[in-house]
Amino acid sequence: MSDKFTGRCECGAITYEFGDEPDFVANCYCKDCQRASGGVMATYFSVALDDFTLLSGSPRSYPYVADSGNTLERSFCPDCGARLFNERLSGFPGQLFVMLGSLDEPERIKPPIMEIFTAHRISWTAALDVPQYRARPDADPNAAQDRMPGGCG
């Protein structure tokens, strides 16, 4: 049995693997992630690009400028539409941010270490017992809501 982490899209056309256990896992409540995921948040983790291998399929990418002004590409399966990962994030060279739900065994990943953009958390969702950030961790926590950087990109 392989110790590698594996994942796929819903229809199985796109599969991937990586070897190193992620040390950054986060729940993001930004409006960008809410809209892109169709949920109240997105849970993702970082993987070094040189550790990530696309095993099958060819994802399509949607180039995007987040509210923060940073650029990224949201990669998804062109057949089933499942969102798989974000790549080419202008603020995080050499990293890929994989959607937790695309893993074959998501329980193998450690829980989130933080929740970000909690200013956009839906009122009926509960906070985890981890550090909470109204925006990105590097943002001024005392900034007015309309001055907070938006979008996790």
C-alpha atoms as a PDB file:
ATOM      1  CA  MET A   1       0.000   0.000   0.000  1.00  0.00           C
ATOM      2  CA  SER A   2       1.285   3.453  -0.933  1.00  0.00           C
ATOM      3  CA  ASP A   3       1.646   6.197   1.647  1.00  0.00           C
ATOM      4  CA  LYS A   4       0.950   8.790  -1.031  1.00  0.00           C
ATOM      5  CA  PHE A   5      -2.127  10.955  -0.812  1.00  0.00           C
ATOM      6  CA  THR A   6      -4.454  10.577  -3.796  1.00  0.00           C
ATOM      7  CA  GLY A   7      -7.457  12.451  -5.067  1.00  0.00           C
ATOM      8  CA  ARG A   8      -9.756  12.875  -8.015  1.00  0.00           C
ATOM      9  CA  CYS A   9     -12.662  14.743  -9.460  1.00  0.00           C
ATOM     10  CA  GLU A  10     -16.218  13.445  -9.094  1.00  0.00           C
ATOM     11  CA  CYS A  11     -16.245  11.539 -12.393  1.00  0.00           C
ATOM     12  CA  GLY A  12     -12.691  10.185 -11.990  1.00  0.00           C
ATOM     13  CA  ALA A  13     -11.338  11.676 -15.231  1.00  0.00           C
ATOM     14  CA  ILE A  14      -8.715  13.674 -13.317  1.00  0.00           C
ATOM     15  CA  THR A  15      -6.565  11.992 -10.679  1.00  0.00           C
ATOM     16  CA  TYR A  16      -3.552  13.227  -8.743  1.00  0.00           C
ATOM     17  CA  GLU A  17      -1.139  12.284  -5.971  1.00  0.00           C
ATOM     18  CA  PHE A  18       1.380  13.878  -3.630  1.00  0.00           C
ATOM     19  CA  GLY A  19       3.651  12.517  -0.932  1.00  0.00           C
ATOM     20  CA  ASP A  20       4.269  15.078   1.799  1.00  0.00           C
ATOM     21  CA  GLU A  21       1.693  15.604   4.520  1.00  0.00           C
ATOM     22  CA  PRO A  22       0.425  19.194   4.307  1.00  0.00           C
ATOM     23  CA  ASP A  23       1.301  21.469   7.207  1.00  0.00           C
ATOM     24  CA  PHE A  24      -1.046  24.272   6.123  1.00  0.00           C
ATOM     25  CA  VAL A  25      -4.766  23.511   6.152  1.00  0.00           C
ATOM     26  CA  ALA A  26      -7.345  26.300   6.375  1.00  0.00           C
ATOM     27  CA  ASN A  27     -11.039  27.030   6.211  1.00  0.00           C
ATOM     28  CA  CYS A  28     -11.650  30.129   4.101  1.00  0.00           C
ATOM     29  CA  TYR A  29     -14.884  32.095   4.377  1.00  0.00           C
ATOM     30  CA  CYS A  30     -14.082  34.777   1.785  1.00  0.00           C
ATOM     31  CA  LYS A  31     -16.784  35.599  -0.743  1.00  0.00           C
ATOM     32  CA  ASP A  32     -14.552  34.321  -3.558  1.00  0.00           C
ATOM     33  CA  CYS A  33     -14.335  30.850  -1.970  1.00  0.00           C
ATOM     34  CA  GLN A  34     -18.021  30.830  -1.056  1.00  0.00           C
ATOM     35  CA  ARG A  35     -19.028  31.533  -4.641  1.00  0.00           C
ATOM     36  CA  ALA A  36     -16.457  29.179  -6.195  1.00  0.00           C
ATOM     37  CA  SER A  37     -17.324  26.292  -3.863  1.00  0.00           C
ATOM     38  CA  GLY A  38     -21.061  26.858  -3.620  1.00  0.00           C
ATOM     39  CA  GLY A  39     -20.749  26.397   0.144  1.00  0.00           C
ATOM     40  CA  VAL A  40     -20.319  28.492   3.275  1.00  0.00           C
ATOM     41  CA  MET A  41     -16.528  28.056   3.111  1.00  0.00           C
ATOM     42  CA  ALA A  42     -13.768  26.225   1.305  1.00  0.00           C
ATOM     43  CA  THR A  43     -11.293  23.930   3.064  1.00  0.00           C
ATOM     44  CA  TYR A  44      -7.969  23.631   1.322  1.00  0.00           C
ATOM     45  CA  PHE A  45      -4.353  22.755   2.010  1.00  0.00           C
ATOM     46  CA  SER A  46      -1.036  23.623   0.402  1.00  0.00           C
ATOM     47  CA  VAL A  47       1.187  21.233  -1.519  1.00  0.00           C
ATOM     48  CA  ALA A  48       4.555  22.074  -3.037  1.00  0.00           C
ATOM     49  CA  LEU A  49       4.303  22.027  -6.829  1.00  0.00           C
ATOM     50  CA  ASP A  50       7.286  19.705  -7.096  1.00  0.00           C
ATOM     51  CA  ASP A  51       5.510  17.167  -4.838  1.00  0.00           C
ATOM     52  CA  PHE A  52       2.247  17.164  -6.832  1.00  0.00           C
ATOM     53  CA  THR A  53       1.714  14.778  -9.759  1.00  0.00           C
ATOM     54  CA  LEU A  54      -1.249  14.867 -12.102  1.00  0.00           C
ATOM     55  CA  LEU A  55      -1.844  11.188 -12.918  1.00  0.00           C
ATOM     56  CA  SER A  56      -4.680  11.431 -15.433  1.00  0.00           C
ATOM     57  CA  GLY A  57      -6.821  13.958 -17.215  1.00  0.00           C
ATOM     58  CA  SER A  58      -6.381  17.588 -18.143  1.00  0.00           C
ATOM     59  CA  PRO A  59      -7.984  20.102 -15.805  1.00  0.00           C
ATOM     60  CA  ARG A  60      -9.337  23.347 -17.166  1.00  0.00           C
ATOM     61  CA  SER A  61      -8.363  26.520 -15.401  1.00  0.00           C
ATOM     62  CA  TYR A  62     -10.258  29.705 -14.780  1.00  0.00           C
ATOM     63  CA  PRO A  63      -7.882  32.675 -14.384  1.00  0.00           C
ATOM     64  CA  TYR A  64      -9.169  34.955 -11.692  1.00  0.00           C
ATOM     65  CA  VAL A  65      -8.337  38.171  -9.874  1.00  0.00           C
ATOM     66  CA  ALA A  66      -9.425  37.930  -6.227  1.00  0.00           C
ATOM     67  CA  ASP A  67     -10.830  40.907  -4.348  1.00  0.00           C
ATOM     68  CA  SER A  68      -7.357  41.207  -2.807  1.00  0.00           C
ATOM     69  CA  GLY A  69      -5.947  41.999  -6.256  1.00  0.00           C
ATOM     70  CA  ASN A  70      -3.903  38.793  -6.325  1.00  0.00           C
ATOM     71  CA  THR A  71      -4.188  36.500  -9.322  1.00  0.00           C
ATOM     72  CA  LEU A  72      -4.805  32.762  -9.328  1.00  0.00           C
ATOM     73  CA  GLU A  73      -6.206  29.980 -11.461  1.00  0.00           C
ATOM     74  CA  ARG A  74      -9.023  27.774 -10.228  1.00  0.00           C
ATOM     75  CA  SER A  75      -8.572  24.323 -11.786  1.00  0.00           C
ATOM     76  CA  PHE A  76     -11.512  22.003 -12.300  1.00  0.00           C
ATOM     77  CA  CYS A  77     -12.597  18.959 -14.280  1.00  0.00           C
ATOM     78  CA  PRO A  78     -14.019  19.948 -17.687  1.00  0.00           C
ATOM     79  CA  ASP A  79     -16.257  16.852 -17.652  1.00  0.00           C
ATOM     80  CA  CYS A  80     -17.929  16.957 -14.219  1.00  0.00           C
ATOM     81  CA  GLY A  81     -17.039  20.513 -13.138  1.00  0.00           C
ATOM     82  CA  ALA A  82     -15.527  19.484  -9.785  1.00  0.00           C
ATOM     83  CA  ARG A  83     -13.147  22.103  -8.392  1.00  0.00           C
ATOM     84  CA  LEU A  84      -9.792  20.488  -7.583  1.00  0.00           C
ATOM     85  CA  PHE A  85      -7.131  23.063  -6.762  1.00  0.00           C
ATOM     86  CA  ASN A  86      -5.949  26.642  -7.079  1.00  0.00           C
ATOM     87  CA  GLU A  87      -2.640  27.268  -8.762  1.00  0.00           C
ATOM     88  CA  ARG A  88      -0.424  30.149  -9.821  1.00  0.00           C
ATOM     89  CA  LEU A  89      -1.396  32.232  -6.803  1.00  0.00           C
ATOM     90  CA  SER A  90       0.593  35.430  -7.166  1.00  0.00           C
ATOM     91  CA  GLY A  91       1.340  35.580  -3.444  1.00  0.00           C
ATOM     92  CA  PHE A  92       2.398  31.927  -3.077  1.00  0.00           C
ATOM     93  CA  PRO A  93       4.897  30.847  -5.742  1.00  0.00           C
ATOM     94  CA  GLY A  94       5.686  27.140  -5.867  1.00  0.00           C
ATOM     95  CA  GLN A  95       2.490  26.167  -4.029  1.00  0.00           C
ATOM     96  CA  LEU A  96      -0.749  24.547  -5.091  1.00  0.00           C
ATOM     97  CA  PHE A  97      -3.852  24.794  -2.894  1.00  0.00           C
ATOM     98  CA  VAL A  98      -5.867  21.579  -3.103  1.00  0.00           C
ATOM     99  CA  MET A  99      -9.538  21.335  -2.165  1.00  0.00           C
ATOM    100  CA  LEU A 100      -9.898  18.931   0.763  1.00  0.00           C
ATOM    101  CA  GLY A 101     -13.060  17.352  -0.647  1.00  0.00           C
ATOM    102  CA  SER A 102     -11.188  16.104  -3.712  1.00  0.00           C
ATOM    103  CA  LEU A 103      -9.042  13.720  -1.642  1.00  0.00           C
ATOM    104  CA  ASP A 104      -9.773   9.997  -1.659  1.00  0.00           C
ATOM    105  CA  GLU A 105      -9.078   9.867   2.093  1.00  0.00           C
ATOM    106  CA  PRO A 106      -9.609  13.360   3.547  1.00  0.00           C
ATOM    107  CA  GLU A 107      -9.430  12.005   7.113  1.00  0.00           C
ATOM    108  CA  ARG A 108      -5.677  11.484   6.609  1.00  0.00           C
ATOM    109  CA  ILE A 109      -5.164  15.257   6.545  1.00  0.00           C
ATOM    110  CA  LYS A 110      -4.740  17.096   9.845  1.00  0.00           C
ATOM    111  CA  PRO A 111      -7.543  19.514  10.793  1.00  0.00           C
ATOM    112  CA  PRO A 112      -7.358  23.182   9.787  1.00  0.00           C
ATOM    113  CA  ILE A 113      -4.801  25.279  11.655  1.00  0.00           C
ATOM    114  CA  MET A 114      -6.741  28.509  11.093  1.00  0.00           C
ATOM    115  CA  GLU A 115      -9.906  30.022   9.719  1.00  0.00           C
ATOM    116  CA  ILE A 116      -9.588  33.078   7.495  1.00  0.00           C
ATOM    117  CA  PHE A 117     -11.953  35.777   6.262  1.00  0.00           C
ATOM    118  CA  THR A 118     -14.213  35.041   9.212  1.00  0.00           C
ATOM    119  CA  ALA A 119     -15.774  38.480   8.747  1.00  0.00           C
ATOM    120  CA  HIS A 120     -17.767  36.742   5.981  1.00  0.00           C
ATOM    121  CA  ARG A 121     -18.684  33.659   8.023  1.00  0.00           C
ATOM    122  CA  ILE A 122     -22.382  32.834   7.804  1.00  0.00           C
ATOM    123  CA  SER A 123     -23.940  33.511  11.213  1.00  0.00           C
ATOM    124  CA  TRP A 124     -25.110  29.934  11.783  1.00  0.00           C
ATOM    125  CA  THR A 125     -21.699  28.330  11.223  1.00  0.00           C
ATOM    126  CA  ALA A 126     -19.588  27.599  14.289  1.00  0.00           C
ATOM    127  CA  ALA A 127     -15.948  28.568  14.640  1.00  0.00           C
ATOM    128  CA  LEU A 128     -13.354  25.867  15.161  1.00  0.00           C
ATOM    129  CA  ASP A 129     -11.024  26.111  18.150  1.00  0.00           C
ATOM    130  CA  VAL A 130      -8.156  27.455  16.010  1.00  0.00           C
ATOM    131  CA  PRO A 131      -6.881  30.990  15.333  1.00  0.00           C
ATOM    132  CA  GLN A 132      -9.539  33.141  13.674  1.00  0.00           C
ATOM    133  CA  TYR A 133      -8.722  35.952  11.227  1.00  0.00           C
ATOM    134  CA  ARG A 134     -11.240  38.484   9.926  1.00  0.00           C
ATOM    135  CA  ALA A 135      -9.223  38.605   6.684  1.00  0.00           C
ATOM    136  CA  ARG A 136      -5.798  37.190   5.826  1.00  0.00           C
ATOM    137  CA  PRO A 137      -3.454  36.591   8.769  1.00  0.00           C
ATOM    138  CA  ASP A 138      -1.218  39.432   7.547  1.00  0.00           C
ATOM    139  CA  ALA A 139      -4.065  41.994   7.503  1.00  0.00           C
ATOM    140  CA  ASP A 140      -4.524  44.720  10.105  1.00  0.00           C
ATOM    141  CA  PRO A 141      -7.032  43.220  12.592  1.00  0.00           C
ATOM    142  CA  ASN A 142      -8.271  46.707  13.517  1.00  0.00           C
ATOM    143  CA  ALA A 143      -9.036  47.811   9.962  1.00  0.00           C
ATOM    144  CA  ALA A 144     -12.583  48.804   9.156  1.00  0.00           C
ATOM    145  CA  GLN A 145     -14.593  46.116   7.379  1.00  0.00           C
ATOM    146  CA  ASP A 146     -14.568  48.023   4.091  1.00  0.00           C
ATOM    147  CA  ARG A 147     -10.751  48.295   4.285  1.00  0.00           C
ATOM    148  CA  MET A 148     -10.115  44.585   4.848  1.00  0.00           C
ATOM    149  CA  PRO A 149      -8.455  42.772   1.949  1.00  0.00           C
ATOM    150  CA  GLY A 150     -10.899  40.452   0.276  1.00  0.00           C
ATOM    151  CA  GLY A 151     -10.353  37.124  -1.384  1.00  0.00           C
ATOM    152  CA  CYS A 152      -7.833  34.566  -0.321  1.00  0.00           C
ATOM    153  CA  GLY A 153      -5.771  34.760  -3.496  1.00  0.00           C
END
